[in-house]
Structures are given as C-alpha cells and as structure tokens.
Amino acid sequence: MSGRILLVLATISLFHAAYSAYEYLSRLKALGKPEEFLPLNIVYESVFALILGTLGASLNAPPLKDITWASEMRKRTIDEMDSRLGFANFHTRGKSFLAPPPTGGL
C-alpha cells in the first residue's frame, strides 16, 4: 500500500515539476531571454520525484521467486525434467551416407 502512495506522490511531483518548467520557460520566452537554465528548485523537485518513484516501484513490486534447481524440482517430477533421448543413434543413417555411389545408369 505504501508503494502505491509513493508512486502517486512521485507522479504528482513530476507533473508539478514539468508544469513549473513549462511556465518558467514560457515566461522567459515572453521576456526575450530563452537561454537561461531552469531554477534549481525545479531540478531538485524532478530528482526527488525520480527517487520517490523508484522507491515506490520497488516497494510495489511482487516478491521475488526462487529460481534454484531445488525449487523447480518441488513443482515437477524427474520424468518431466529428463524426458529427452539418452543418446542419438546415427549408425543406420551413416551406412547410406558413407556407401560408395551406385554404379550404372538410371
């Protein structure tokens, strides 16, 4: 629950920082000075929203699953895991590939 609250606060803070930057830059454009940097409070608010959003997303994430072989074998049997061929036998096909070509016409 606290993760969702942090995400909402981060979103609101980021939208407020974007709106403040837009208003500041439009005011500079109206005054004819569009080459100034953003004020530090807008930059700080954006960084704060980023940190808050990262923290909220981390707290809102589902718990991690165990990915070890033992946890996989708890769900399956050995027959499901080892259902491949033990070995492949190419002996029967090899005779036809390695035999000399037949003599005679078609």
PDB file of N, CA and C in Angstrom:
ATOM      1  N   MET A   1       0.818  -1.198   0.000  1.00  0.00           N
ATOM      2  CA  MET A   1       0.000   0.000   0.000  1.00  0.00           C
ATOM      3  C   MET A   1       0.856   1.254   0.000  1.00  0.00           C
ATOM      4  N   SER A   2       1.944   1.240   0.791  1.00  0.00           N
ATOM      5  CA  SER A   2       2.788   2.433   0.843  1.00  0.00           C
ATOM      6  C   SER A   2       3.515   2.657  -0.485  1.00  0.00           C
ATOM      7  N   GLY A   3       3.779   1.562  -1.223  1.00  0.00           N
ATOM      8  CA  GLY A   3       4.409   1.707  -2.531  1.00  0.00           C
ATOM      9  C   GLY A   3       3.536   2.461  -3.509  1.00  0.00           C
ATOM     10  N   ARG A   4       2.246   2.166  -3.481  1.00  0.00           N
ATOM     11  CA  ARG A   4       1.318   2.871  -4.384  1.00  0.00           C
ATOM     12  C   ARG A   4       1.196   4.341  -4.016  1.00  0.00           C
ATOM     13  N   ILE A   5       1.187   4.623  -2.720  1.00  0.00           N
ATOM     14  CA  ILE A   5       1.115   6.024  -2.281  1.00  0.00           C
ATOM     15  C   ILE A   5       2.355   6.784  -2.744  1.00  0.00           C
ATOM     16  N   LEU A   6       3.525   6.157  -2.613  1.00  0.00           N
ATOM     17  CA  LEU A   6       4.755   6.807  -3.068  1.00  0.00           C
ATOM     18  C   LEU A   6       4.748   7.017  -4.578  1.00  0.00           C
ATOM     19  N   LEU A   7       4.206   6.058  -5.320  1.00  0.00           N
ATOM     20  CA  LEU A   7       4.117   6.225  -6.777  1.00  0.00           C
ATOM     21  C   LEU A   7       3.190   7.370  -7.166  1.00  0.00           C
ATOM     22  N   VAL A   8       2.079   7.493  -6.464  1.00  0.00           N
ATOM     23  CA  VAL A   8       1.149   8.593  -6.748  1.00  0.00           C
ATOM     24  C   VAL A   8       1.805   9.931  -6.415  1.00  0.00           C
ATOM     25  N   LEU A   9       2.475  10.002  -5.268  1.00  0.00           N
ATOM     26  CA  LEU A   9       3.164  11.243  -4.906  1.00  0.00           C
ATOM     27  C   LEU A   9       4.278  11.590  -5.900  1.00  0.00           C
ATOM     28  N   ALA A  10       4.997  10.582  -6.362  1.00  0.00           N
ATOM     29  CA  ALA A  10       6.058  10.822  -7.350  1.00  0.00           C
ATOM     30  C   ALA A  10       5.475  11.328  -8.663  1.00  0.00           C
ATOM     31  N   THR A  11       4.347  10.761  -9.071  1.00  0.00           N
ATOM     32  CA  THR A  11       3.711  11.203 -10.317  1.00  0.00           C
ATOM     33  C   THR A  11       3.223  12.643 -10.208  1.00  0.00           C
ATOM     34  N   ILE A  12       2.597  12.962  -9.098  1.00  0.00           N
ATOM     35  CA  ILE A  12       2.122  14.335  -8.899  1.00  0.00           C
ATOM     36  C   ILE A  12       3.293  15.305  -8.847  1.00  0.00           C
ATOM     37  N   SER A  13       4.350  14.926  -8.159  1.00  0.00           N
ATOM     38  CA  SER A  13       5.529  15.789  -8.061  1.00  0.00           C
ATOM     39  C   SER A  13       6.195  15.985  -9.419  1.00  0.00           C
ATOM     40  N   LEU A  14       6.255  14.920 -10.216  1.00  0.00           N
ATOM     41  CA  LEU A  14       6.863  15.041 -11.542  1.00  0.00           C
ATOM     42  C   LEU A  14       6.010  15.907 -12.471  1.00  0.00           C
ATOM     43  N   PHE A  15       4.703  15.754 -12.407  1.00  0.00           N
ATOM     44  CA  PHE A  15       3.829  16.616 -13.207  1.00  0.00           C
ATOM     45  C   PHE A  15       3.950  18.078 -12.772  1.00  0.00           C
ATOM     46  N   HIS A  16       4.077  18.295 -11.476  1.00  0.00           N
ATOM     47  CA  HIS A  16       4.236  19.672 -10.992  1.00  0.00           C
ATOM     48  C   HIS A  16       5.560  20.264 -11.458  1.00  0.00           C
ATOM     49  N   ALA A  17       6.622  19.470 -11.436  1.00  0.00           N
ATOM     50  CA  ALA A  17       7.916  19.954 -11.915  1.00  0.00           C
ATOM     51  C   ALA A  17       7.868  20.258 -13.413  1.00  0.00           C
ATOM     52  N   ALA A  18       7.195  19.421 -14.165  1.00  0.00           N
ATOM     53  CA  ALA A  18       7.077  19.656 -15.609  1.00  0.00           C
ATOM     54  C   ALA A  18       6.261  20.918 -15.885  1.00  0.00           C
ATOM     55  N   TYR A  19       5.173  21.113 -15.146  1.00  0.00           N
ATOM     56  CA  TYR A  19       4.358  22.311 -15.319  1.00  0.00           C
ATOM     57  C   TYR A  19       5.148  23.561 -14.915  1.00  0.00           C
ATOM     58  N   SER A  20       5.893  23.478 -13.832  1.00  0.00           N
ATOM     59  CA  SER A  20       6.697  24.621 -13.397  1.00  0.00           C
ATOM     60  C   SER A  20       7.772  24.966 -14.430  1.00  0.00           C
ATOM     61  N   ALA A  21       8.390  23.934 -15.013  1.00  0.00           N
ATOM     62  CA  ALA A  21       9.402  24.178 -16.041  1.00  0.00           C
ATOM     63  C   ALA A  21       8.772  24.813 -17.274  1.00  0.00           C
ATOM     64  N   TYR A  22       7.597  24.333 -17.658  1.00  0.00           N
ATOM     65  CA  TYR A  22       6.901  24.912 -18.804  1.00  0.00           C
ATOM     66  C   TYR A  22       6.561  26.382 -18.552  1.00  0.00           C
ATOM     67  N   GLU A  23       6.019  26.677 -17.386  1.00  0.00           N
ATOM     68  CA  GLU A  23       5.664  28.061 -17.059  1.00  0.00           C
ATOM     69  C   GLU A  23       6.902  28.959 -17.017  1.00  0.00           C
ATOM     70  N   TYR A  24       7.985  28.466 -16.433  1.00  0.00           N
ATOM     71  CA  TYR A  24       9.206  29.258 -16.332  1.00  0.00           C
ATOM     72  C   TYR A  24       9.781  29.553 -17.715  1.00  0.00           C
ATOM     73  N   LEU A  25       9.827  28.522 -18.561  1.00  0.00           N
ATOM     74  CA  LEU A  25      10.397  28.728 -19.898  1.00  0.00           C
ATOM     75  C   LEU A  25       9.491  29.590 -20.780  1.00  0.00           C
ATOM     76  N   SER A  26       8.184  29.478 -20.615  1.00  0.00           N
ATOM     77  CA  SER A  26       7.297  30.342 -21.402  1.00  0.00           C
ATOM     78  C   SER A  26       7.406  31.789 -20.936  1.00  0.00           C
ATOM     79  N   ARG A  27       7.625  32.003 -19.642  1.00  0.00           N
ATOM     80  CA  ARG A  27       7.817  33.366 -19.143  1.00  0.00           C
ATOM     81  C   ARG A  27       9.139  33.947 -19.668  1.00  0.00           C
ATOM     82  N   LEU A  28      10.186  33.122 -19.705  1.00  0.00           N
ATOM     83  CA  LEU A  28      11.460  33.591 -20.265  1.00  0.00           C
ATOM     84  C   LEU A  28      11.325  33.921 -21.750  1.00  0.00           C
ATOM     85  N   LYS A  29      10.570  33.105 -22.460  1.00  0.00           N
ATOM     86  CA  LYS A  29      10.377  33.360 -23.889  1.00  0.00           C
ATOM     87  C   LYS A  29       9.616  34.658 -24.111  1.00  0.00           C
ATOM     88  N   ALA A  30       8.653  34.943 -23.258  1.00  0.00           N
ATOM     89  CA  ALA A  30       7.890  36.180 -23.378  1.00  0.00           C
ATOM     90  C   ALA A  30       8.767  37.399 -23.070  1.00  0.00           C
ATOM     91  N   LEU A  31       9.732  37.224 -22.160  1.00  0.00           N
ATOM     92  CA  LEU A  31      10.636  38.323 -21.833  1.00  0.00           C
ATOM     93  C   LEU A  31      11.796  38.456 -22.817  1.00  0.00           C
ATOM     94  N   GLY A  32      11.957  37.468 -23.682  1.00  0.00           N
ATOM     95  CA  GLY A  32      13.019  37.532 -24.681  1.00  0.00           C
ATOM     96  C   GLY A  32      14.353  36.994 -24.164  1.00  0.00           C
ATOM     97  N   LYS A  33      14.373  36.165 -23.137  1.00  0.00           N
ATOM     98  CA  LYS A  33      15.608  35.581 -22.617  1.00  0.00           C
ATOM     99  C   LYS A  33      15.482  34.051 -22.556  1.00  0.00           C
ATOM    100  N   PRO A  34      15.397  33.361 -23.675  1.00  0.00           N
ATOM    101  CA  PRO A  34      15.165  31.915 -23.635  1.00  0.00           C
ATOM    102  C   PRO A  34      16.413  31.068 -23.371  1.00  0.00           C
ATOM    103  N   GLU A  35      17.564  31.691 -23.080  1.00  0.00           N
ATOM    104  CA  GLU A  35      18.795  30.918 -22.948  1.00  0.00           C
ATOM    105  C   GLU A  35      19.224  30.707 -21.505  1.00  0.00           C
ATOM    106  N   GLU A  36      18.350  30.918 -20.540  1.00  0.00           N
ATOM    107  CA  GLU A  36      18.711  30.693 -19.145  1.00  0.00           C
ATOM    108  C   GLU A  36      18.396  29.261 -18.735  1.00  0.00           C
ATOM    109  N   PHE A  37      19.072  28.797 -17.681  1.00  0.00           N
ATOM    110  CA  PHE A  37      18.842  27.456 -17.167  1.00  0.00           C
ATOM    111  C   PHE A  37      17.602  27.426 -16.281  1.00  0.00           C
ATOM    112  N   LEU A  38      17.116  26.226 -16.025  1.00  0.00           N
ATOM    113  CA  LEU A  38      15.990  26.064 -15.106  1.00  0.00           C
ATOM    114  C   LEU A  38      16.451  26.369 -13.683  1.00  0.00           C
ATOM    115  N   PRO A  39      15.570  26.883 -12.861  1.00  0.00           N
ATOM    116  CA  PRO A  39      15.937  27.107 -11.460  1.00  0.00           C
ATOM    117  C   PRO A  39      16.228  25.781 -10.755  1.00  0.00           C
ATOM    118  N   LEU A  40      17.049  25.833  -9.728  1.00  0.00           N
ATOM    119  CA  LEU A  40      17.446  24.618  -9.038  1.00  0.00           C
ATOM    120  C   LEU A  40      16.293  23.952  -8.309  1.00  0.00           C
ATOM    121  N   ASN A  41      15.304  24.721  -7.869  1.00  0.00           N
ATOM    122  CA  ASN A  41      14.190  24.078  -7.163  1.00  0.00           C
ATOM    123  C   ASN A  41      13.384  23.163  -8.083  1.00  0.00           C
ATOM    124  N   ILE A  42      13.289  23.495  -9.378  1.00  0.00           N
ATOM    125  CA  ILE A  42      12.603  22.624 -10.328  1.00  0.00           C
ATOM    126  C   ILE A  42      13.433  21.368 -10.579  1.00  0.00           C
ATOM    127  N   VAL A  43      14.739  21.528 -10.672  1.00  0.00           N
ATOM    128  CA  VAL A  43      15.620  20.376 -10.870  1.00  0.00           C
ATOM    129  C   VAL A  43      15.572  19.465  -9.643  1.00  0.00           C
ATOM    130  N   TYR A  44      15.616  20.049  -8.454  1.00  0.00           N
ATOM    131  CA  TYR A  44      15.552  19.264  -7.219  1.00  0.00           C
ATOM    132  C   TYR A  44      14.219  18.520  -7.104  1.00  0.00           C
ATOM    133  N   GLU A  45      13.141  19.168  -7.505  1.00  0.00           N
ATOM    134  CA  GLU A  45      11.836  18.521  -7.452  1.00  0.00           C
ATOM    135  C   GLU A  45      11.770  17.346  -8.416  1.00  0.00           C
ATOM    136  N   SER A  46      12.375  17.484  -9.585  1.00  0.00           N
ATOM    137  CA  SER A  46      12.389  16.390 -10.555  1.00  0.00           C
ATOM    138  C   SER A  46      13.204  15.207 -10.044  1.00  0.00           C
ATOM    139  N   VAL A  47      14.366  15.488  -9.459  1.00  0.00           N
ATOM    140  CA  VAL A  47      15.206  14.416  -8.919  1.00  0.00           C
ATOM    141  C   VAL A  47      14.500  13.744  -7.734  1.00  0.00           C
ATOM    142  N   PHE A  48      13.855  14.535  -6.895  1.00  0.00           N
ATOM    143  CA  PHE A  48      13.100  13.985  -5.770  1.00  0.00           C
ATOM    144  C   PHE A  48      11.981  13.078  -6.268  1.00  0.00           C
ATOM    145  N   ALA A  49      11.287  13.483  -7.330  1.00  0.00           N
ATOM    146  CA  ALA A  49      10.210  12.659  -7.890  1.00  0.00           C
ATOM    147  C   ALA A  49      10.774  11.361  -8.463  1.00  0.00           C
ATOM    148  N   LEU A  50      11.951  11.421  -9.071  1.00  0.00           N
ATOM    149  CA  LEU A  50      12.575  10.217  -9.608  1.00  0.00           C
ATOM    150  C   LEU A  50      12.931   9.239  -8.490  1.00  0.00           C
ATOM    151  N   ILE A  51      13.531   9.751  -7.427  1.00  0.00           N
ATOM    152  CA  ILE A  51      13.894   8.890  -6.292  1.00  0.00           C
ATOM    153  C   ILE A  51      12.650   8.322  -5.630  1.00  0.00           C
ATOM    154  N   LEU A  52      11.639   9.159  -5.456  1.00  0.00           N
ATOM    155  CA  LEU A  52      10.388   8.711  -4.844  1.00  0.00           C
ATOM    156  C   LEU A  52       9.700   7.652  -5.706  1.00  0.00           C
ATOM    157  N   GLY A  53       9.724   7.831  -7.013  1.00  0.00           N
ATOM    158  CA  GLY A  53       9.124   6.849  -7.917  1.00  0.00           C
ATOM    159  C   GLY A  53       9.869   5.532  -7.922  1.00  0.00           C
ATOM    160  N   THR A  54      11.199   5.591  -7.860  1.00  0.00           N
ATOM    161  CA  THR A  54      11.991   4.369  -7.804  1.00  0.00           C
ATOM    162  C   THR A  54      11.716   3.598  -6.516  1.00  0.00           C
ATOM    163  N   LEU A  55      11.658   4.313  -5.416  1.00  0.00           N
ATOM    164  CA  LEU A  55      11.361   3.686  -4.136  1.00  0.00           C
ATOM    165  C   LEU A  55       9.947   3.104  -4.127  1.00  0.00           C
ATOM    166  N   GLY A  56       8.989   3.838  -4.662  1.00  0.00           N
ATOM    167  CA  GLY A  56       7.611   3.347  -4.720  1.00  0.00           C
ATOM    168  C   GLY A  56       7.468   2.124  -5.605  1.00  0.00           C
ATOM    169  N   ALA A  57       8.174   2.107  -6.737  1.00  0.00           N
ATOM    170  CA  ALA A  57       8.112   0.941  -7.620  1.00  0.00           C
ATOM    171  C   ALA A  57       8.764  -0.273  -6.966  1.00  0.00           C
ATOM    172  N   SER A  58       9.820  -0.053  -6.212  1.00  0.00           N
ATOM    173  CA  SER A  58      10.478  -1.163  -5.512  1.00  0.00           C
ATOM    174  C   SER A  58       9.585  -1.742  -4.429  1.00  0.00           C
ATOM    175  N   LEU A  59       8.886  -0.881  -3.706  1.00  0.00           N
ATOM    176  CA  LEU A  59       8.006  -1.372  -2.648  1.00  0.00           C
ATOM    177  C   LEU A  59       6.723  -1.991  -3.200  1.00  0.00           C
ATOM    178  N   ASN A  60       6.325  -1.599  -4.394  1.00  0.00           N
ATOM    179  CA  ASN A  60       5.094  -2.085  -5.009  1.00  0.00           C
ATOM    180  C   ASN A  60       5.306  -3.386  -5.780  1.00  0.00           C
ATOM    181  N   ALA A  61       6.539  -3.792  -6.008  1.00  0.00           N
ATOM    182  CA  ALA A  61       6.838  -4.982  -6.799  1.00  0.00           C
ATOM    183  C   ALA A  61       6.441  -6.250  -6.040  1.00  0.00           C
ATOM    184  N   PRO A  62       6.032  -7.289  -6.763  1.00  0.00           N
ATOM    185  CA  PRO A  62       5.700  -8.546  -6.095  1.00  0.00           C
ATOM    186  C   PRO A  62       6.961  -9.206  -5.551  1.00  0.00           C
ATOM    187  N   PRO A  63       6.810 -10.127  -4.603  1.00  0.00           N
ATOM    188  CA  PRO A  63       8.000 -10.790  -4.052  1.00  0.00           C
ATOM    189  C   PRO A  63       8.712 -11.622  -5.117  1.00  0.00           C
ATOM    190  N   LEU A  64      10.021 -11.734  -4.982  1.00  0.00           N
ATOM    191  CA  LEU A  64      10.810 -12.476  -5.958  1.00  0.00           C
ATOM    192  C   LEU A  64      10.581 -13.971  -5.799  1.00  0.00           C
ATOM    193  N   LYS A  65      10.683 -14.684  -6.895  1.00  0.00           N
ATOM    194  CA  LYS A  65      10.503 -16.132  -6.870  1.00  0.00           C
ATOM    195  C   LYS A  65      11.866 -16.808  -6.798  1.00  0.00           C
ATOM    196  N   ASP A  66      11.890 -17.962  -6.171  1.00  0.00           N
ATOM    197  CA  ASP A  66      13.124 -18.735  -6.058  1.00  0.00           C
ATOM    198  C   ASP A  66      13.403 -19.402  -7.401  1.00  0.00           C
ATOM    199  N   ILE A  67      14.615 -19.287  -7.910  1.00  0.00           N
ATOM    200  CA  ILE A  67      14.930 -19.834  -9.220  1.00  0.00           C
ATOM    201  C   ILE A  67      15.993 -20.932  -9.151  1.00  0.00           C
ATOM    202  N   THR A  68      16.112 -21.592  -8.031  1.00  0.00           N
ATOM    203  CA  THR A  68      17.104 -22.653  -7.905  1.00  0.00           C
ATOM    204  C   THR A  68      16.556 -23.954  -8.479  1.00  0.00           C
ATOM    205  N   TRP A  69      17.440 -24.919  -8.684  1.00  0.00           N
ATOM    206  CA  TRP A  69      17.054 -26.226  -9.189  1.00  0.00           C
ATOM    207  C   TRP A  69      16.138 -26.939  -8.194  1.00  0.00           C
ATOM    208  N   ALA A  70      16.415 -26.775  -6.907  1.00  0.00           N
ATOM    209  CA  ALA A  70      15.600 -27.436  -5.886  1.00  0.00           C
ATOM    210  C   ALA A  70      14.165 -26.919  -5.908  1.00  0.00           C
ATOM    211  N   SER A  71      13.983 -25.622  -6.085  1.00  0.00           N
ATOM    212  CA  SER A  71      12.618 -25.083  -6.128  1.00  0.00           C
ATOM    213  C   SER A  71      11.894 -25.534  -7.392  1.00  0.00           C
ATOM    214  N   GLU A  72      12.601 -25.725  -8.479  1.00  0.00           N
ATOM    215  CA  GLU A  72      11.973 -26.210  -9.704  1.00  0.00           C
ATOM    216  C   GLU A  72      11.569 -27.674  -9.553  1.00  0.00           C
ATOM    217  N   MET A  73      12.381 -28.449  -8.872  1.00  0.00           N
ATOM    218  CA  MET A  73      12.083 -29.862  -8.703  1.00  0.00           C
ATOM    219  C   MET A  73      10.942 -30.096  -7.705  1.00  0.00           C
ATOM    220  N   ARG A  74      10.637 -29.110  -6.857  1.00  0.00           N
ATOM    221  CA  ARG A  74       9.477 -29.237  -5.974  1.00  0.00           C
ATOM    222  C   ARG A  74       8.182 -29.237  -6.774  1.00  0.00           C
ATOM    223  N   LYS A  75       8.186 -28.563  -7.932  1.00  0.00           N
ATOM    224  CA  LYS A  75       6.983 -28.467  -8.755  1.00  0.00           C
ATOM    225  C   LYS A  75       6.871 -29.584  -9.789  1.00  0.00           C
ATOM    226  N   ARG A  76       7.983 -30.226 -10.157  1.00  0.00           N
ATOM    227  CA  ARG A  76       7.984 -31.216 -11.231  1.00  0.00           C
ATOM    228  C   ARG A  76       8.576 -32.536 -10.749  1.00  0.00           C
ATOM    229  N   THR A  77       8.372 -33.562 -11.554  1.00  0.00           N
ATOM    230  CA  THR A  77       8.990 -34.852 -11.256  1.00  0.00           C
ATOM    231  C   THR A  77      10.212 -35.018 -12.142  1.00  0.00           C
ATOM    232  N   ILE A  78      11.001 -36.023 -11.845  1.00  0.00           N
ATOM    233  CA  ILE A  78      12.206 -36.255 -12.641  1.00  0.00           C
ATOM    234  C   ILE A  78      11.844 -36.720 -14.047  1.00  0.00           C
ATOM    235  N   ASP A  79      10.690 -37.378 -14.193  1.00  0.00           N
ATOM    236  CA  ASP A  79      10.262 -37.820 -15.525  1.00  0.00           C
ATOM    237  C   ASP A  79       9.941 -36.644 -16.440  1.00  0.00           C
ATOM    238  N   GLU A  80       9.415 -35.572 -15.888  1.00  0.00           N
ATOM    239  CA  GLU A  80       9.124 -34.388 -16.701  1.00  0.00           C
ATOM    240  C   GLU A  80      10.408 -33.646 -17.066  1.00  0.00           C
ATOM    241  N   MET A  81      11.366 -33.672 -16.191  1.00  0.00           N
ATOM    242  CA  MET A  81      12.598 -32.918 -16.439  1.00  0.00           C
ATOM    243  C   MET A  81      13.547 -33.676 -17.358  1.00  0.00           C
ATOM    244  N   ASP A  82      13.578 -35.002 -17.281  1.00  0.00           N
ATOM    245  CA  ASP A  82      14.544 -35.783 -18.040  1.00  0.00           C
ATOM    246  C   ASP A  82      13.817 -36.629 -19.078  1.00  0.00           C
ATOM    247  N   SER A  83      13.009 -36.010 -19.901  1.00  0.00           N
ATOM    248  CA  SER A  83      12.222 -36.755 -20.882  1.00  0.00           C
ATOM    249  C   SER A  83      12.832 -36.670 -22.281  1.00  0.00           C
ATOM    250  N   ARG A  84      14.106 -36.436 -22.376  1.00  0.00           N
ATOM    251  CA  ARG A  84      14.754 -36.386 -23.686  1.00  0.00           C
ATOM    252  C   ARG A  84      15.425 -37.717 -23.987  1.00  0.00           C
ATOM    253  N   LEU A  85      15.891 -37.873 -25.192  1.00  0.00           N
ATOM    254  CA  LEU A  85      16.609 -39.085 -25.560  1.00  0.00           C
ATOM    255  C   LEU A  85      17.922 -39.159 -24.804  1.00  0.00           C
ATOM    256  N   GLY A  86      18.287 -40.337 -24.406  1.00  0.00           N
ATOM    257  CA  GLY A  86      19.562 -40.504 -23.712  1.00  0.00           C
ATOM    258  C   GLY A  86      20.734 -40.288 -24.664  1.00  0.00           C
ATOM    259  N   PHE A  87      20.619 -40.802 -25.880  1.00  0.00           N
ATOM    260  CA  PHE A  87      21.637 -40.607 -26.898  1.00  0.00           C
ATOM    261  C   PHE A  87      20.975 -40.768 -28.255  1.00  0.00           C
ATOM    262  N   ALA A  88      21.607 -40.266 -29.259  1.00  0.00           N
ATOM    263  CA  ALA A  88      21.073 -40.394 -30.613  1.00  0.00           C
ATOM    264  C   ALA A  88      21.905 -41.420 -31.372  1.00  0.00           C
ATOM    265  N   ASN A  89      21.283 -42.243 -32.130  1.00  0.00           N
ATOM    266  CA  ASN A  89      21.963 -43.295 -32.873  1.00  0.00           C
ATOM    267  C   ASN A  89      21.932 -42.935 -34.351  1.00  0.00           C
ATOM    268  N   PHE A  90      23.091 -42.607 -34.884  1.00  0.00           N
ATOM    269  CA  PHE A  90      23.203 -42.260 -36.304  1.00  0.00           C
ATOM    270  C   PHE A  90      23.819 -43.395 -37.102  1.00  0.00           C
ATOM    271  N   HIS A  91      23.942 -44.553 -36.504  1.00  0.00           N
ATOM    272  CA  HIS A  91      24.615 -45.664 -37.157  1.00  0.00           C
ATOM    273  C   HIS A  91      23.861 -46.127 -38.400  1.00  0.00           C
ATOM    274  N   THR A  92      22.546 -46.187 -38.372  1.00  0.00           N
ATOM    275  CA  THR A  92      21.790 -46.693 -39.513  1.00  0.00           C
ATOM    276  C   THR A  92      21.836 -45.729 -40.686  1.00  0.00           C
ATOM    277  N   ARG A  93      21.831 -44.432 -40.420  1.00  0.00           N
ATOM    278  CA  ARG A  93      21.888 -43.457 -41.494  1.00  0.00           C
ATOM    279  C   ARG A  93      23.298 -43.323 -42.057  1.00  0.00           C
ATOM    280  N   GLY A  94      24.271 -43.581 -41.217  1.00  0.00           N
ATOM    281  CA  GLY A  94      25.654 -43.436 -41.662  1.00  0.00           C
ATOM    282  C   GLY A  94      26.033 -44.389 -42.770  1.00  0.00           C
ATOM    283  N   LYS A  95      25.420 -45.564 -42.800  1.00  0.00           N
ATOM    284  CA  LYS A  95      25.744 -46.539 -43.844  1.00  0.00           C
ATOM    285  C   LYS A  95      25.366 -45.999 -45.216  1.00  0.00           C
ATOM    286  N   SER A  96      24.240 -45.349 -45.321  1.00  0.00           N
ATOM    287  CA  SER A  96      23.817 -44.851 -46.626  1.00  0.00           C
ATOM    288  C   SER A  96      24.603 -43.608 -47.042  1.00  0.00           C
ATOM    289  N   PHE A  97      25.065 -42.824 -46.070  1.00  0.00           N
ATOM    290  CA  PHE A  97      25.848 -41.636 -46.419  1.00  0.00           C
ATOM    291  C   PHE A  97      27.271 -41.985 -46.818  1.00  0.00           C
ATOM    292  N   LEU A  98      27.837 -42.984 -46.190  1.00  0.00           N
ATOM    293  CA  LEU A  98      29.233 -43.316 -46.439  1.00  0.00           C
ATOM    294  C   LEU A  98      29.418 -44.383 -47.506  1.00  0.00           C
ATOM    295  N   ALA A  99      28.358 -44.970 -48.012  1.00  0.00           N
ATOM    296  CA  ALA A  99      28.459 -46.019 -49.034  1.00  0.00           C
ATOM    297  C   ALA A  99      28.894 -45.399 -50.360  1.00  0.00           C
ATOM    298  N   PRO A 100      29.622 -46.127 -51.142  1.00  0.00           N
ATOM    299  CA  PRO A 100      30.001 -45.606 -52.474  1.00  0.00           C
ATOM    300  C   PRO A 100      28.767 -45.467 -53.350  1.00  0.00           C
ATOM    301  N   PRO A 101      28.793 -44.508 -54.258  1.00  0.00           N
ATOM    302  CA  PRO A 101      27.622 -44.308 -55.129  1.00  0.00           C
ATOM    303  C   PRO A 101      27.393 -45.539 -56.012  1.00  0.00           C
ATOM    304  N   PRO A 102      26.121 -45.816 -56.300  1.00  0.00           N
ATOM    305  CA  PRO A 102      25.832 -46.982 -57.137  1.00  0.00           C
ATOM    306  C   PRO A 102      26.349 -46.767 -58.559  1.00  0.00           C
ATOM    307  N   THR A 103      26.844 -47.814 -59.137  1.00  0.00           N
ATOM    308  CA  THR A 103      27.342 -47.716 -60.489  1.00  0.00           C
ATOM    309  C   THR A 103      26.221 -48.088 -61.468  1.00  0.00           C
ATOM    310  N   GLY A 104      26.290 -47.559 -62.604  1.00  0.00           N
ATOM    311  CA  GLY A 104      25.271 -47.878 -63.589  1.00  0.00           C
ATOM    312  C   GLY A 104      24.424 -46.670 -63.901  1.00  0.00           C
ATOM    313  N   GLY A 105      23.673 -46.767 -64.912  1.00  0.00           N
ATOM    314  CA  GLY A 105      22.825 -45.665 -65.353  1.00  0.00           C
ATOM    315  C   GLY A 105      21.476 -45.680 -64.688  1.00  0.00           C
ATOM    316  N   LEU A 106      20.773 -44.646 -64.953  1.00  0.00           N
ATOM    317  CA  LEU A 106      19.438 -44.524 -64.384  1.00  0.00           C
ATOM    318  C   LEU A 106      18.448 -45.295 -65.137  1.00  0.00           C
TER     319      LEU A 106
END
